[in-house]
C-alpha cells in the first residue's frame, strides 16, 4: 500500500471512530440519570450514561472516588445538583481533561425557583444551625441593658429593598458582595434576593397601627399591641440580638409581627429593620432564613445603596450604622429540587438542550422524547393537584427529615417535621416528639410520614405519644437511597413519583 493510501485509510478510521464515539453523560443522583435515559430513549447505543451515587448513599454523605473523578474529567455532559453537598465539584471541574464539557447545575438552571431551607415551627435544629453567625451589627448585649420599646418608634413609611434589588438599583453593592464572597454577581444577586423576598412591598407604621402592602398590591391594616421581646444568643450563651414582638387581634392581618433593627432600647431614630410576620407564633421567626430588609420610603435607590455600603452614615443614639454583610445568617438552600415534577420538566429541558448540542445528529429524536416525557410529567402534576384538592387535610406530618419542601409548595400543602431535609440528626428530642404528637391530635391526622431511609422509630414514638395512638406510618420516597439494584428491577423517576401520589392520597384522608 502506498503511503498516500495508508494515510487516507488511517484518516477514514479516525473519522469512523469519531462518528461512532458515544456521548458521555455523568450524573450524580438517580433522578438526573433517569431523566437522561428517558430523553436519550432508543438512541442509548450512542450514549454512555453514568450514575455516580447508586449504592444507597445519599447526596449529603457522598464524596467522589478517584474513579468517579476520572469519569467526570472526560465527560461530555456532567449533571449535578449544585447545593452545599456538591462543594467538591468546583475542584474536580478545574482539573477536568475535557475543557469543552457541558456542565448542568440543577439549582442554577432553576434560578429564583430555588428555595432557602426552611425551619418550621417545632422542627429540631442542628447545633451548628442554631448558632450561625450574626449580622455585622452583632455584639454581646448585657441583659440588664435591654429595654421595652413601643411600636411608634418605627413610625413612618418603609420600603422593601427587594424591589430595588430586582430593578438593578444596587449594582455597586452586589459587585462588592460578590467580590468579597468570591461569587459571580449573578449568584450573589440570587442569594440576596432569596433572603430579602418576603412578599411585602412596603410597610407604614402609625402609632399602634401597621399597614402592610403585599407584592400583589393588596394592603391590610391592623392594630398591634406590644408582646415583649425575644433574644438570640451565640454559642457561649451571650445575647447578640434583640427582636421586638407585636400581636394583633384584628382579622385579615398577620397575627404576629416582629421587628429587628439591631437596637435593644428606645431610640430616637431607626435607619432600617428586618421584618417578620405570620400567624403561627413568634418562635418560627427566630430561625427564619428569610430576612427582609426595610428602609425609609424617602430613600432613592442610590441612597439605599449608600446605606448598605455604609457611606456617609454616622452613629446616633443607640444605633451604629456600618458596613452590612449580605447575610444576617448564612443562607442554606434546599437541594431537593427533583421532588417537584414542575422543576423536573424545566430540568429535563436543560438536559435535552445539552444532548442536542453534543449530539446534533440525534437532536430531533431527543426533542420528541422530551415532548413525550414532559406530557407525562404534566399529567402527574395534574394528578397531584387533584389529590390535594380532594383530600380532607392539607397538612403532612413527618417523623423524619423533610426533603419535600418543593413538592408541598407546588400544591399549597403545609407540613410539620422533626428535622430539615439535609439534617444528619436521627434522634428527636422529647420536645420535638411532644410537639408533633400534639399536632397529630390538634389536626386530627390519621397518618405520620417518613422517608424511604427512615426506620420508623420517631414516627412510632410520635404516634404512641398522641392521644388516640392509632395513626398509621406512611413512607414517601425522596429517591435519595435508590441503588443500581433498584434500577435493574425497573425503578424510574415517574414510577416512584406515581407511588408517592398513591401514598399522598392516603396521607391526606
Protein backbone atom coordinates (compact mmCIF):
# COMPACT_ATOMS: atom_id res chain seq x y z
CA UNK A 1 0.00 0.00 0.00
CA UNK A 2 1.35 3.41 -0.89
CA UNK A 3 1.97 5.98 1.85
CA UNK A 4 -0.83 8.17 0.44
CA UNK A 5 -3.36 5.30 0.53
CA UNK A 6 -2.18 4.35 4.03
CA UNK A 7 -2.74 7.92 5.24
CA UNK A 8 -6.19 8.06 3.65
CA UNK A 9 -7.15 4.74 5.24
CA UNK A 10 -5.89 5.99 8.63
CA UNK A 11 -7.89 9.18 8.33
CA UNK A 12 -11.01 7.18 7.45
CA UNK A 13 -10.53 5.01 10.52
CA UNK A 14 -10.16 8.08 12.75
CA UNK A 15 -13.26 9.65 11.20
CA UNK A 16 -15.21 6.44 11.68
CA UNK A 17 -14.08 6.31 15.32
CA UNK A 18 -15.23 9.88 15.82
CA UNK A 19 -18.54 9.14 14.12
CA UNK A 20 -19.25 6.21 16.46
CA UNK A 21 -17.93 7.86 19.63
CA UNK A 22 -20.56 7.79 22.32
CA UNK A 23 -21.69 10.92 24.14
CA UNK A 24 -20.51 10.53 27.73
CA UNK A 25 -23.02 11.78 30.30
CA UNK A 26 -22.16 11.64 34.00
CA UNK A 27 -24.87 12.24 36.60
CA UNK A 28 -24.62 12.42 40.38
CA UNK A 29 -28.09 11.32 41.52
CA UNK A 30 -30.75 8.91 40.31
CA UNK A 31 -33.38 11.42 39.06
CA UNK A 32 -30.80 13.06 36.75
CA UNK A 33 -29.74 9.63 35.49
CA UNK A 34 -33.31 8.56 34.78
CA UNK A 35 -34.19 11.83 33.05
CA UNK A 36 -31.21 11.34 30.72
CA UNK A 37 -32.30 7.76 29.96
CA UNK A 38 -35.81 8.95 29.10
CA UNK A 39 -34.60 11.70 26.76
CA UNK A 40 -31.97 9.50 25.09
CA UNK A 41 -34.60 6.82 24.56
CA UNK A 42 -33.84 4.44 21.68
CA UNK A 43 -30.58 6.27 20.93
CA UNK A 44 -28.97 4.65 24.01
CA UNK A 45 -26.36 2.99 21.78
CA UNK A 46 -24.99 6.47 21.09
CA UNK A 47 -24.67 7.40 24.76
CA UNK A 48 -22.69 6.27 27.78
CA UNK A 49 -24.68 7.23 30.88
CA UNK A 50 -23.04 7.02 34.30
CA UNK A 51 -24.69 7.30 37.73
CA UNK A 52 -22.18 8.16 40.44
CA UNK A 53 -24.36 7.76 43.53
CA UNK A 54 -26.04 4.41 43.04
CA UNK A 55 -25.07 2.48 46.16
CA UNK A 56 -27.69 3.81 48.57
CA UNK A 57 -25.51 6.62 49.95
CA UNK A 58 -27.43 9.86 49.85
CA UNK A 59 -26.26 13.10 48.27
CA UNK A 60 -25.38 14.71 51.61
CA UNK A 61 -22.88 11.98 52.54
CA UNK A 62 -21.30 11.32 49.14
CA UNK A 63 -17.66 12.00 48.33
CA UNK A 64 -16.33 11.09 44.85
CA UNK A 65 -13.82 8.28 44.46
CA UNK A 66 -10.76 8.51 42.19
CA UNK A 67 -12.70 6.50 39.63
CA UNK A 68 -15.65 8.91 39.85
CA UNK A 69 -13.38 11.92 39.34
CA UNK A 70 -11.84 10.27 36.27
CA UNK A 71 -15.32 9.69 34.83
CA UNK A 72 -16.27 13.34 35.32
CA UNK A 73 -12.98 14.54 33.87
CA UNK A 74 -13.67 13.07 30.43
CA UNK A 75 -17.44 13.57 30.34
CA UNK A 76 -19.14 15.42 27.50
CA UNK A 77 -22.02 16.36 29.83
CA UNK A 78 -21.86 16.49 33.61
CA UNK A 79 -25.04 16.96 35.65
CA UNK A 80 -25.12 17.72 39.37
CA UNK A 81 -27.46 19.33 41.90
CA UNK A 82 -25.29 22.32 42.83
CA UNK A 83 -26.05 22.72 46.54
CA UNK A 84 -23.87 22.64 49.62
CA UNK A 85 -23.39 18.87 49.30
CA UNK A 86 -21.66 19.41 45.94
CA UNK A 87 -18.91 21.73 47.17
CA UNK A 88 -16.36 19.22 45.89
CA UNK A 89 -17.44 19.78 42.27
CA UNK A 90 -15.56 23.05 41.61
CA UNK A 91 -12.15 21.50 42.27
CA UNK A 92 -12.94 18.48 40.10
CA UNK A 93 -14.06 20.64 37.17
CA UNK A 94 -10.97 22.85 37.40
CA UNK A 95 -8.82 19.81 36.70
CA UNK A 96 -11.09 18.16 34.12
CA UNK A 97 -9.44 16.93 30.92
CA UNK A 98 -12.40 17.82 28.70
CA UNK A 99 -12.43 21.61 28.63
CA UNK A 100 -15.40 21.53 26.25
CA UNK A 101 -17.62 19.76 28.78
CA UNK A 102 -21.25 20.91 29.10
CA UNK A 103 -21.99 21.31 32.81
CA UNK A 104 -25.55 21.42 34.15
CA UNK A 105 -26.05 22.71 37.68
CA UNK A 106 -29.69 21.98 38.51
CA UNK A 107 -30.01 24.81 41.02
CA UNK A 108 -28.53 27.32 38.58
CA UNK A 109 -30.97 26.18 35.90
CA UNK A 110 -33.88 26.79 38.27
CA UNK A 111 -32.62 30.23 39.29
CA UNK A 112 -35.08 32.08 41.52
CA UNK A 113 -37.22 28.95 41.89
CA UNK A 114 -34.61 27.62 44.33
CA UNK A 115 -35.79 27.89 47.93
CA UNK A 116 -33.94 28.64 51.13
CA UNK A 117 -34.01 25.70 53.51
CA UNK A 118 -36.92 26.25 55.86
CA UNK A 119 -37.20 25.67 59.60
CA UNK A 120 -40.87 25.41 60.57
CA UNK A 121 -42.45 25.52 63.99
CA UNK A 122 -41.47 22.58 66.19
CA UNK A 123 -38.63 21.43 63.96
CA UNK A 124 -35.46 20.34 65.73
CA UNK A 125 -32.46 22.33 64.52
CA UNK A 126 -28.92 21.03 64.47
CA UNK A 127 -26.46 22.62 66.85
CA UNK A 128 -24.49 24.45 64.20
CA UNK A 129 -27.67 25.82 62.64
CA UNK A 130 -28.87 27.16 65.97
CA UNK A 131 -25.77 29.25 66.37
CA UNK A 132 -24.97 30.61 62.92
CA UNK A 133 -23.03 33.84 62.94
CA UNK A 134 -24.90 37.10 63.47
CA UNK A 135 -25.04 40.21 61.35
CA UNK A 136 -22.17 42.71 61.28
CA UNK A 137 -24.16 44.67 63.86
CA UNK A 138 -23.79 41.89 66.38
CA UNK A 139 -22.00 42.38 69.67
CA UNK A 140 -22.67 40.95 73.10
CA UNK A 141 -25.53 42.67 74.87
CA UNK A 142 -25.93 42.85 78.65
CA UNK A 143 -29.39 41.56 79.52
CA UNK A 144 -29.82 44.38 82.04
CA UNK A 145 -29.46 46.93 79.22
CA UNK A 146 -32.42 45.56 77.22
CA UNK A 147 -35.49 47.77 77.45
CA UNK A 148 -39.06 47.52 76.22
CA UNK A 149 -39.88 49.53 73.11
CA UNK A 150 -43.06 50.87 71.54
CA UNK A 151 -44.33 50.31 68.00
CA UNK A 152 -44.36 54.08 67.45
CA UNK A 153 -40.54 54.05 67.35
CA UNK A 154 -40.96 52.53 63.88
CA UNK A 155 -43.40 55.23 62.72
CA UNK A 156 -43.13 56.13 59.04
CA UNK A 157 -43.31 54.66 55.59
CA UNK A 158 -40.86 51.90 54.78
CA UNK A 159 -39.92 50.23 51.51
CA UNK A 160 -38.58 46.73 50.97
CA UNK A 161 -35.15 46.61 49.35
CA UNK A 162 -36.17 43.55 47.34
CA UNK A 163 -37.84 45.57 44.51
CA UNK A 164 -34.84 47.91 44.46
CA UNK A 165 -32.54 44.91 44.11
CA UNK A 166 -34.60 43.34 41.32
CA UNK A 167 -34.72 46.61 39.36
CA UNK A 168 -30.90 46.60 39.30
CA UNK A 169 -30.69 49.59 41.64
CA UNK A 170 -28.00 48.04 43.86
CA UNK A 171 -25.31 47.19 41.30
CA UNK A 172 -22.36 48.50 43.30
CA UNK A 173 -23.50 46.68 46.43
CA UNK A 174 -23.92 43.39 44.52
CA UNK A 175 -20.49 43.82 42.94
CA UNK A 176 -18.93 44.47 46.34
CA UNK A 177 -20.60 41.44 47.95
CA UNK A 178 -19.72 39.15 45.04
CA UNK A 179 -16.06 40.16 45.22
CA UNK A 180 -16.00 39.75 49.00
CA UNK A 181 -17.53 36.26 48.87
CA UNK A 182 -15.79 35.04 45.72
CA UNK A 183 -19.02 34.57 43.77
CA UNK A 184 -20.37 35.82 40.47
CA UNK A 185 -22.62 38.87 40.60
CA UNK A 186 -25.50 36.77 39.27
CA UNK A 187 -25.06 34.21 42.06
CA UNK A 188 -24.81 36.95 44.65
CA UNK A 189 -27.96 38.68 43.45
CA UNK A 190 -29.91 35.40 43.50
CA UNK A 191 -28.72 34.65 47.01
CA UNK A 192 -29.63 38.07 48.40
CA UNK A 193 -32.97 38.06 46.58
CA UNK A 194 -33.93 34.78 48.25
CA UNK A 195 -33.19 36.34 51.63
CA UNK A 196 -34.97 39.66 51.08
CA UNK A 197 -38.09 38.45 49.27
CA UNK A 198 -40.82 38.17 51.91
CA UNK A 199 -43.81 39.08 49.73
CA UNK A 200 -44.25 42.53 51.27
CA UNK A 201 -43.55 45.65 49.21
CA UNK A 202 -43.99 48.34 51.84
CA UNK A 203 -44.97 48.96 55.45
CA UNK A 204 -46.49 52.00 57.13
CA UNK A 205 -46.41 52.35 60.92
CA UNK A 206 -48.54 54.97 62.64
CA UNK A 207 -48.85 54.76 66.40
CA UNK A 208 -50.31 51.34 67.16
CA UNK A 209 -51.33 50.63 63.55
CA UNK A 210 -49.42 48.81 60.84
CA UNK A 211 -50.39 48.87 57.16
CA UNK A 212 -48.79 46.11 55.13
CA UNK A 213 -48.80 46.30 51.33
CA UNK A 214 -48.06 42.97 49.65
CA UNK A 215 -46.27 42.48 46.35
CA UNK A 216 -49.63 41.99 44.62
CA UNK A 217 -50.74 45.48 45.69
CA UNK A 218 -53.17 44.34 48.37
CA UNK A 219 -52.98 46.34 51.62
CA UNK A 220 -54.16 45.38 55.11
CA UNK A 221 -54.21 47.49 58.27
CA UNK A 222 -54.43 46.31 61.86
CA UNK A 223 -53.91 47.47 65.42
CA UNK A 224 -51.00 45.87 67.24
CA UNK A 225 -50.04 45.68 70.89
CA UNK A 226 -46.61 45.11 72.39
CA UNK A 227 -45.85 41.46 73.21
CA UNK A 228 -42.34 41.73 74.63
CA UNK A 229 -39.03 40.85 73.03
CA UNK A 230 -37.06 37.78 72.07
CA UNK A 231 -33.28 37.41 72.27
CA UNK A 232 -30.81 35.47 70.18
CA UNK A 233 -27.70 34.01 71.78
CA UNK A 234 -24.33 32.83 70.48
CA UNK A 235 -22.60 29.55 71.30
CA UNK A 236 -21.42 30.91 74.65
CA UNK A 237 -24.96 31.86 75.57
CA UNK A 238 -24.29 35.59 75.20
CA UNK A 239 -27.09 37.75 73.80
CA UNK A 240 -26.21 39.11 70.36
CA UNK A 241 -29.58 40.25 69.04
CA UNK A 242 -32.92 41.50 70.37
CA UNK A 243 -36.15 41.39 68.37
CA UNK A 244 -39.34 43.20 69.30
CA UNK A 245 -42.73 41.48 69.10
CA UNK A 246 -46.24 42.81 68.46
CA UNK A 247 -49.53 40.98 68.02
CA UNK A 248 -52.96 41.80 66.64
CA UNK A 249 -56.48 40.53 67.29
CA UNK A 250 -57.80 42.08 64.08
CA UNK A 251 -58.95 39.85 61.23
CA UNK A 252 -57.25 39.55 57.84
CA UNK A 253 -53.88 40.81 59.09
CA UNK A 254 -50.82 38.84 60.23
CA UNK A 255 -51.42 37.93 63.87
CA UNK A 256 -47.77 38.19 64.84
CA UNK A 257 -45.08 40.61 63.64
CA UNK A 258 -41.51 41.13 64.75
CA UNK A 259 -39.05 44.00 64.18
CA UNK A 260 -35.28 43.68 64.31
CA UNK A 261 -33.35 46.94 63.89
CA UNK A 262 -30.35 45.70 65.92
CA UNK A 263 -31.29 48.01 68.78
CA UNK A 264 -32.16 46.92 72.29
CA UNK A 265 -33.52 50.10 73.93
CA UNK A 266 -35.70 53.08 72.92
CA UNK A 267 -34.12 55.07 70.09
CA UNK A 268 -34.67 58.48 68.53
CA UNK A 269 -34.15 57.17 65.02
CA UNK A 270 -34.45 53.87 63.17
CA UNK A 271 -32.46 53.61 59.93
CA UNK A 272 -33.65 50.20 58.80
CA UNK A 273 -35.17 46.98 60.14
CA UNK A 274 -35.82 43.36 59.30
CA UNK A 275 -39.49 42.41 59.43
CA UNK A 276 -41.11 39.04 60.15
CA UNK A 277 -44.81 38.23 60.05
CA UNK A 278 -47.16 35.27 60.22
CA UNK A 279 -49.94 33.50 62.10
CA UNK A 280 -48.07 30.64 63.79
CA UNK A 281 -46.40 32.40 66.70
CA UNK A 282 -43.16 34.28 67.27
CA UNK A 283 -40.88 31.26 67.67
CA UNK A 284 -40.67 30.50 63.93
CA UNK A 285 -39.25 33.95 63.24
CA UNK A 286 -36.13 33.31 65.29
CA UNK A 287 -34.95 30.62 62.89
CA UNK A 288 -36.21 32.22 59.70
CA UNK A 289 -33.81 32.04 56.77
CA UNK A 290 -35.69 34.94 55.14
CA UNK A 291 -34.58 38.33 56.47
CA UNK A 292 -36.50 41.02 54.64
CA UNK A 293 -34.82 44.43 54.62
CA UNK A 294 -36.81 47.67 55.01
CA UNK A 295 -35.58 51.26 54.77
CA UNK A 296 -37.31 54.64 54.61
CA UNK A 297 -39.53 55.09 51.56
CA UNK A 298 -37.95 58.51 51.14
CA UNK A 299 -34.64 56.99 50.07
CA UNK A 300 -33.70 56.75 46.39
CA UNK A 301 -32.02 53.62 45.04
CA UNK A 302 -28.64 55.39 45.28
CA UNK A 303 -29.29 56.34 48.91
CA UNK A 304 -30.36 52.79 49.69
CA UNK A 305 -27.10 51.55 48.27
CA UNK A 306 -25.16 54.12 50.33
CA UNK A 307 -26.89 52.83 53.44
CA UNK A 308 -25.95 49.24 52.62
CA UNK A 309 -22.34 50.15 51.89
CA UNK A 310 -22.10 52.34 54.98
CA UNK A 311 -21.37 55.56 53.11
CA UNK A 312 -22.00 58.84 54.94
CA UNK A 313 -23.94 57.32 57.81
CA UNK A 314 -22.60 58.20 61.22
CA UNK A 315 -23.87 56.87 64.53
CA UNK A 316 -26.69 58.37 66.52
CA UNK A 317 -28.29 57.30 69.78
CA UNK A 318 -28.25 53.57 70.34
CA UNK A 319 -27.73 52.69 66.66
CA UNK A 320 -24.42 52.30 64.93
CA UNK A 321 -24.56 52.09 61.15
CA UNK A 322 -21.67 50.47 59.38
CA UNK A 323 -20.99 48.10 56.52
CA UNK A 324 -23.70 45.46 56.10
CA UNK A 325 -22.88 41.87 55.27
CA UNK A 326 -25.26 40.36 52.73
CA UNK A 327 -26.24 37.75 55.30
CA UNK A 328 -27.73 38.10 58.72
CA UNK A 329 -27.50 34.33 58.75
CA UNK A 330 -25.63 32.23 56.23
CA UNK A 331 -28.25 31.07 53.75
CA UNK A 332 -28.55 27.38 53.11
CA UNK A 333 -30.55 26.39 50.05
CA UNK A 334 -32.78 23.35 49.85
CA UNK A 335 -31.12 20.90 47.47
CA UNK A 336 -34.06 18.53 46.91
CA UNK A 337 -35.20 20.25 43.72
CA UNK A 338 -36.03 17.00 41.90
CA UNK A 339 -39.04 16.29 44.13
CA UNK A 340 -41.10 18.86 42.24
CA UNK A 341 -42.36 17.45 38.94
CA UNK A 342 -42.65 21.06 37.76
CA UNK A 343 -38.94 21.51 38.39
CA UNK A 344 -38.30 18.17 36.69
CA UNK A 345 -39.88 19.44 33.48
CA UNK A 346 -37.62 22.52 33.45
CA UNK A 347 -34.52 20.46 34.22
CA UNK A 348 -35.29 17.91 31.52
CA UNK A 349 -35.46 20.78 29.05
CA UNK A 350 -31.93 21.83 30.01
CA UNK A 351 -30.68 18.25 29.71
CA UNK A 352 -32.26 17.90 26.27
CA UNK A 353 -30.61 21.13 25.11
CA UNK A 354 -27.21 19.82 26.20
CA UNK A 355 -27.73 16.48 24.45
CA UNK A 356 -28.78 18.22 21.24
CA UNK A 357 -25.69 20.40 21.41
CA UNK A 358 -23.34 17.47 21.92
CA UNK A 359 -25.08 15.02 19.61
CA UNK A 360 -26.78 17.07 16.91
CA UNK A 361 -27.48 14.08 14.66
CA UNK A 362 -29.99 12.73 17.20
CA UNK A 363 -31.45 16.10 18.20
CA UNK A 364 -34.88 15.52 16.65
CA UNK A 365 -35.22 12.23 18.50
CA UNK A 366 -34.20 13.82 21.80
CA UNK A 367 -36.70 16.63 21.40
CA UNK A 368 -39.50 14.20 20.55
CA UNK A 369 -38.65 12.13 23.63
CA UNK A 370 -38.63 15.28 25.75
CA UNK A 371 -42.08 16.27 24.50
CA UNK A 372 -43.45 12.83 25.31
CA UNK A 373 -41.86 12.77 28.77
CA UNK A 374 -42.98 16.33 29.55
CA UNK A 375 -46.56 15.34 28.81
CA UNK A 376 -46.26 12.52 31.35
CA UNK A 377 -44.86 14.97 33.93
CA UNK A 378 -47.76 17.35 33.24
CA UNK A 379 -50.23 14.51 33.77
CA UNK A 380 -48.59 13.56 37.05
CA UNK A 381 -48.59 17.21 38.14
CA UNK A 382 -52.33 17.43 37.47
CA UNK A 383 -52.92 14.17 39.37
CA UNK A 384 -51.06 15.53 42.42
CA UNK A 385 -53.12 18.72 42.28
CA UNK A 386 -56.34 16.67 42.12
CA UNK A 387 -55.25 14.53 45.08
CA UNK A 388 -54.64 17.64 47.18
CA UNK A 389 -57.90 19.23 46.06
CA UNK A 390 -59.86 16.12 47.06
CA UNK A 391 -58.02 15.48 50.32
CA UNK A 392 -59.61 16.02 53.74
CA UNK A 393 -56.49 17.62 55.19
CA UNK A 394 -53.85 19.93 53.74
CA UNK A 395 -51.10 19.10 56.21
CA UNK A 396 -48.39 16.43 56.19
CA UNK A 397 -46.52 15.47 59.35
CA UNK A 398 -43.13 13.77 59.14
CA UNK A 399 -41.45 11.92 61.99
CA UNK A 400 -38.26 12.19 59.98
CA UNK A 401 -36.20 14.51 57.81
CA UNK A 402 -38.27 16.60 55.41
CA UNK A 403 -36.89 16.86 51.85
CA UNK A 404 -40.29 17.57 50.23
CA UNK A 405 -40.34 21.38 50.52
CA UNK A 406 -40.54 21.94 46.73
CA UNK A 407 -43.26 19.33 46.45
CA UNK A 408 -45.58 20.74 49.16
CA UNK A 409 -45.08 24.30 47.94
CA UNK A 410 -46.23 23.27 44.45
CA UNK A 411 -49.62 22.22 45.80
CA UNK A 412 -50.13 24.56 48.74
CA UNK A 413 -49.67 21.94 51.45
CA UNK A 414 -48.41 22.78 54.92
CA UNK A 415 -46.19 20.50 56.96
CA UNK A 416 -44.53 19.74 60.26
CA UNK A 417 -41.41 17.62 60.61
CA UNK A 418 -38.75 16.51 63.06
CA UNK A 419 -35.78 17.76 61.02
CA UNK A 420 -34.90 19.76 57.90
CA UNK A 421 -34.27 17.85 54.69
CA UNK A 422 -30.49 17.56 54.87
CA UNK A 423 -30.22 17.10 58.63
CA UNK A 424 -27.86 14.42 59.93
CA UNK A 425 -29.94 14.04 63.10
CA UNK A 426 -31.58 10.69 63.82
CA UNK A 427 -32.75 11.15 67.40
CA UNK A 428 -35.61 13.56 68.06
CA UNK A 429 -35.74 15.45 71.34
CA UNK A 430 -38.57 14.99 73.83
CA UNK A 431 -39.83 18.50 72.97
CA UNK A 432 -39.91 17.72 69.25
CA UNK A 433 -41.80 14.45 69.74
CA UNK A 434 -44.35 16.07 72.07
CA UNK A 435 -44.89 18.98 69.70
CA UNK A 436 -45.51 16.68 66.72
CA UNK A 437 -47.75 14.36 68.76
CA UNK A 438 -49.81 17.35 69.84
CA UNK A 439 -50.15 18.37 66.17
CA UNK A 440 -51.44 14.89 65.33
CA UNK A 441 -54.12 15.38 68.00
CA UNK A 442 -54.86 19.02 67.18
CA UNK A 443 -55.26 18.44 63.43
CA UNK A 444 -56.84 15.00 63.71
CA UNK A 445 -54.17 13.48 61.47
CA UNK A 446 -54.56 9.81 60.64
CA UNK A 447 -51.03 9.31 59.33
CA UNK A 448 -47.42 10.11 60.22
CA UNK A 449 -44.94 10.07 57.33
CA UNK A 450 -41.32 9.09 56.97
CA UNK A 451 -38.87 8.93 54.05
CA UNK A 452 -37.64 5.73 52.47
CA UNK A 453 -34.49 5.51 54.60
CA UNK A 454 -36.39 6.02 57.87
CA UNK A 455 -36.52 3.24 60.44
CA UNK A 456 -39.90 4.37 61.79
CA UNK A 457 -38.65 4.86 65.34
CA UNK A 458 -39.51 8.57 65.59
CA UNK A 459 -42.82 8.11 63.78
CA UNK A 460 -43.82 5.29 66.16
CA UNK A 461 -42.86 7.38 69.19
CA UNK A 462 -44.94 10.31 67.94
CA UNK A 463 -47.95 8.02 67.45
CA UNK A 464 -47.55 6.45 70.89
CA UNK A 465 -47.32 9.92 72.43
CA UNK A 466 -50.53 11.08 70.72
CA UNK A 467 -53.90 10.64 72.43
CA UNK A 468 -55.51 8.08 70.10
CA UNK A 469 -52.27 6.24 69.27
CA UNK A 470 -53.86 4.87 66.11
CA UNK A 471 -52.20 6.84 63.28
CA UNK A 472 -50.53 4.82 60.52
CA UNK A 473 -46.96 5.25 59.27
CA UNK A 474 -46.66 6.06 55.56
CA UNK A 475 -43.47 6.27 53.50
CA UNK A 476 -42.79 8.84 50.79
CA UNK A 477 -39.77 8.11 48.58
CA UNK A 478 -37.34 11.02 48.12
CA UNK A 479 -35.13 8.94 45.79
CA UNK A 480 -32.05 9.56 47.92
CA UNK A 481 -31.43 5.86 48.51
CA UNK A 482 -32.09 4.44 45.04
CA UNK A 483 -29.48 1.81 44.11
CA UNK A 484 -28.26 0.21 40.91
CA UNK A 485 -30.11 -2.90 42.04
CA UNK A 486 -33.36 -0.92 42.18
CA UNK A 487 -32.69 0.46 38.71
CA UNK A 488 -32.16 -3.04 37.30
CA UNK A 489 -35.53 -4.00 38.79
CA UNK A 490 -37.17 -1.20 36.82
CA UNK A 491 -37.28 1.74 39.23
CA UNK A 492 -37.89 5.04 37.43
CA UNK A 493 -38.46 8.64 38.47
CA UNK A 494 -42.03 8.64 37.14
CA UNK A 495 -42.79 5.30 38.74
CA UNK A 496 -41.50 6.46 42.11
CA UNK A 497 -43.46 9.70 41.96
CA UNK A 498 -46.58 7.75 40.96
CA UNK A 499 -46.16 5.65 44.10
CA UNK A 500 -45.74 8.87 46.08
CA UNK A 501 -49.04 10.03 44.60
CA UNK A 502 -50.76 6.91 45.93
CA UNK A 503 -49.21 7.48 49.37
CA UNK A 504 -50.22 11.15 49.29
CA UNK A 505 -53.86 10.26 48.67
CA UNK A 506 -53.77 8.07 51.76
CA UNK A 507 -51.92 10.69 53.81
CA UNK A 508 -54.50 13.37 53.05
CA UNK A 509 -57.53 11.27 54.05
